[in-house]
C-alpha atoms as a PDB file:
ATOM      1  CA  MET A   1     116.584  61.223  20.746  1.00  0.00           C
ATOM      2  CA  TYR A   2     116.866  64.389  18.685  1.00  0.00           C
ATOM      3  CA  ALA A   3     117.888  67.859  19.795  1.00  0.00           C
ATOM      4  CA  VAL A   4     117.461  71.328  18.331  1.00  0.00           C
ATOM      5  CA  VAL A   5     119.618  74.268  19.388  1.00  0.00           C
ATOM      6  CA  ARG A   6     118.518  77.775  18.402  1.00  0.00           C
ATOM      7  CA  ARG A   7     120.873  80.734  18.937  1.00  0.00           C
ATOM      8  CA  TYR A   8     119.315  84.205  18.958  1.00  0.00           C
ATOM      9  CA  GLU A   9     121.570  87.263  18.726  1.00  0.00           C
ATOM     10  CA  GLY A  10     120.627  90.909  19.143  1.00  0.00           C
ATOM     11  CA  VAL A  11     118.051  90.194  21.836  1.00  0.00           C
ATOM     12  CA  THR A  12     116.744  93.575  22.976  1.00  0.00           C
ATOM     13  CA  ASP A  13     115.418  92.578  26.427  1.00  0.00           C
ATOM     14  CA  PRO A  14     116.621  89.151  27.612  1.00  0.00           C
ATOM     15  CA  ALA A  15     114.663  89.259  30.882  1.00  0.00           C
ATOM     16  CA  GLU A  16     111.357  89.938  29.108  1.00  0.00           C
ATOM     17  CA  ALA A  17     112.117  87.338  26.442  1.00  0.00           C
ATOM     18  CA  GLY A  18     112.715  84.809  29.213  1.00  0.00           C
ATOM     19  CA  ARG A  19     109.432  85.697  30.913  1.00  0.00           C
ATOM     20  CA  GLN A  20     107.470  85.289  27.686  1.00  0.00           C
ATOM     21  CA  VAL A  21     109.168  82.032  26.760  1.00  0.00           C
ATOM     22  CA  ASP A  22     108.570  80.626  30.243  1.00  0.00           C
ATOM     23  CA  GLY A  23     104.993  81.906  30.385  1.00  0.00           C
ATOM     24  CA  GLY A  24     103.873  80.834  26.926  1.00  0.00           C
ATOM     25  CA  PHE A  25     106.218  78.891  24.713  1.00  0.00           C
ATOM     26  CA  VAL A  26     107.240  76.193  27.186  1.00  0.00           C
ATOM     27  CA  SER A  27     103.649  75.014  27.631  1.00  0.00           C
ATOM     28  CA  LEU A  28     103.198  74.829  23.835  1.00  0.00           C
ATOM     29  CA  LEU A  29     106.369  72.822  23.452  1.00  0.00           C
ATOM     30  CA  ARG A  30     105.348  70.336  26.136  1.00  0.00           C
ATOM     31  CA  GLN A  31     102.347  69.435  23.970  1.00  0.00           C
ATOM     32  CA  VAL A  32     104.549  68.284  21.074  1.00  0.00           C
ATOM     33  CA  PRO A  33     104.625  64.474  20.931  1.00  0.00           C
ATOM     34  CA  GLY A  34     107.922  63.062  22.129  1.00  0.00           C
ATOM     35  CA  PHE A  35     108.880  66.111  24.217  1.00  0.00           C
ATOM     36  CA  VAL A  36     111.730  65.348  26.631  1.00  0.00           C
ATOM     37  CA  ALA A  37     113.240  68.661  27.775  1.00  0.00           C
ATOM     38  CA  TYR A  38     113.625  72.358  26.998  1.00  0.00           C
ATOM     39  CA  TYR A  39     116.144  74.951  28.188  1.00  0.00           C
ATOM     40  CA  TRP A  40     116.305  78.717  27.528  1.00  0.00           C
ATOM     41  CA  VAL A  41     119.696  80.220  28.360  1.00  0.00           C
ATOM     42  CA  ASP A  42     120.789  83.843  28.644  1.00  0.00           C
ATOM     43  CA  ALA A  43     124.335  83.663  27.240  1.00  0.00           C
ATOM     44  CA  GLY A  44     124.944  87.380  27.817  1.00  0.00           C
ATOM     45  CA  ASP A  45     125.614  90.267  25.451  1.00  0.00           C
ATOM     46  CA  GLY A  46     122.162  90.011  23.847  1.00  0.00           C
ATOM     47  CA  THR A  47     122.512  86.317  22.993  1.00  0.00           C
ATOM     48  CA  MET A  48     120.033  83.667  24.057  1.00  0.00           C
ATOM     49  CA  VAL A  49     120.149  79.965  23.274  1.00  0.00           C
ATOM     50  CA  SER A  50     117.387  77.386  23.430  1.00  0.00           C
ATOM     51  CA  THR A  51     117.813  73.626  23.481  1.00  0.00           C
ATOM     52  CA  SER A  52     114.879  71.310  22.807  1.00  0.00           C
ATOM     53  CA  VAL A  53     115.088  67.533  23.163  1.00  0.00           C
ATOM     54  CA  PHE A  54     112.585  65.061  21.713  1.00  0.00           C
ATOM     55  CA  ASP A  55     112.233  61.312  21.364  1.00  0.00           C
ATOM     56  CA  ASP A  56     112.229  61.551  17.576  1.00  0.00           C
ATOM     57  CA  GLN A  57     113.043  63.757  14.612  1.00  0.00           C
ATOM     58  CA  ALA A  58     109.386  64.608  13.939  1.00  0.00           C
ATOM     59  CA  GLY A  59     109.015  66.244  17.355  1.00  0.00           C
ATOM     60  CA  ALA A  60     112.247  68.167  16.898  1.00  0.00           C
ATOM     61  CA  GLU A  61     111.120  69.451  13.505  1.00  0.00           C
ATOM     62  CA  GLU A  62     107.729  70.461  14.892  1.00  0.00           C
ATOM     63  CA  SER A  63     109.486  72.425  17.648  1.00  0.00           C
ATOM     64  CA  VAL A  64     111.310  74.498  15.018  1.00  0.00           C
ATOM     65  CA  LYS A  65     107.982  75.432  13.416  1.00  0.00           C
ATOM     66  CA  LYS A  66     106.354  76.220  16.765  1.00  0.00           C
ATOM     67  CA  ALA A  67     109.322  78.371  17.789  1.00  0.00           C
ATOM     68  CA  ALA A  68     109.212  80.359  14.545  1.00  0.00           C
ATOM     69  CA  ASP A  69     105.476  80.966  14.941  1.00  0.00           C
ATOM     70  CA  PHE A  70     105.795  81.935  18.608  1.00  0.00           C
ATOM     71  CA  VAL A  71     108.620  84.371  17.906  1.00  0.00           C
ATOM     72  CA  ALA A  72     106.720  85.955  15.003  1.00  0.00           C
ATOM     73  CA  ASP A  73     103.528  86.299  17.058  1.00  0.00           C
ATOM     74  CA  ASN A  74     104.988  87.274  20.439  1.00  0.00           C
ATOM     75  CA  LEU A  75     108.686  88.083  20.409  1.00  0.00           C
ATOM     76  CA  ALA A  76     109.480  89.814  17.113  1.00  0.00           C
ATOM     77  CA  SER A  77     110.559  93.057  18.795  1.00  0.00           C
ATOM     78  CA  LEU A  78     112.656  91.222  21.402  1.00  0.00           C
ATOM     79  CA  LEU A  79     114.283  88.734  19.013  1.00  0.00           C
ATOM     80  CA  PRO A  80     114.764  90.828  15.867  1.00  0.00           C
ATOM     81  CA  ASN A  81     117.188  88.474  14.102  1.00  0.00           C
ATOM     82  CA  PRO A  82     116.456  84.975  12.806  1.00  0.00           C
ATOM     83  CA  PRO A  83     118.063  82.245  14.899  1.00  0.00           C
ATOM     84  CA  GLN A  84     120.947  80.037  13.925  1.00  0.00           C
ATOM     85  CA  ILE A  85     119.472  76.527  14.087  1.00  0.00           C
ATOM     86  CA  THR A  86     121.409  73.314  14.629  1.00  0.00           C
ATOM     87  CA  ALA A  87     119.563  70.009  14.861  1.00  0.00           C
ATOM     88  CA  GLY A  88     120.425  66.335  14.897  1.00  0.00           C
ATOM     89  CA  GLN A  89     120.349  62.982  16.554  1.00  0.00           C
ATOM     90  CA  VAL A  90     121.680  62.790  20.087  1.00  0.00           C
ATOM     91  CA  VAL A  91     124.579  60.347  20.038  1.00  0.00           C
ATOM     92  CA  ALA A  92     125.680  60.683  23.674  1.00  0.00           C
ATOM     93  CA  ALA A  93     123.952  61.918  26.825  1.00  0.00           C
ATOM     94  CA  GLY A  94     124.627  62.071  30.522  1.00  0.00           C
END
């Protein structure tokens, strides 16, 4: 399995960002081959973190592209700063 964590800082309206992610992005992500799970977390103080899990690296990489496109098309005013992205193979899970 592969995971991608994206950390967004400077989020202007976390509640609205969450609504748009839940109402639009999640369904797009579920269509990516190898999709396992997705989480969108409000970490407070204008920081939100997403975690995507896929069966393989190709799905994880595609999720990064889909996220960038979705943010540019739908969330640019809510997520004004580019995310910090960390990705890699899952080596332990519970």
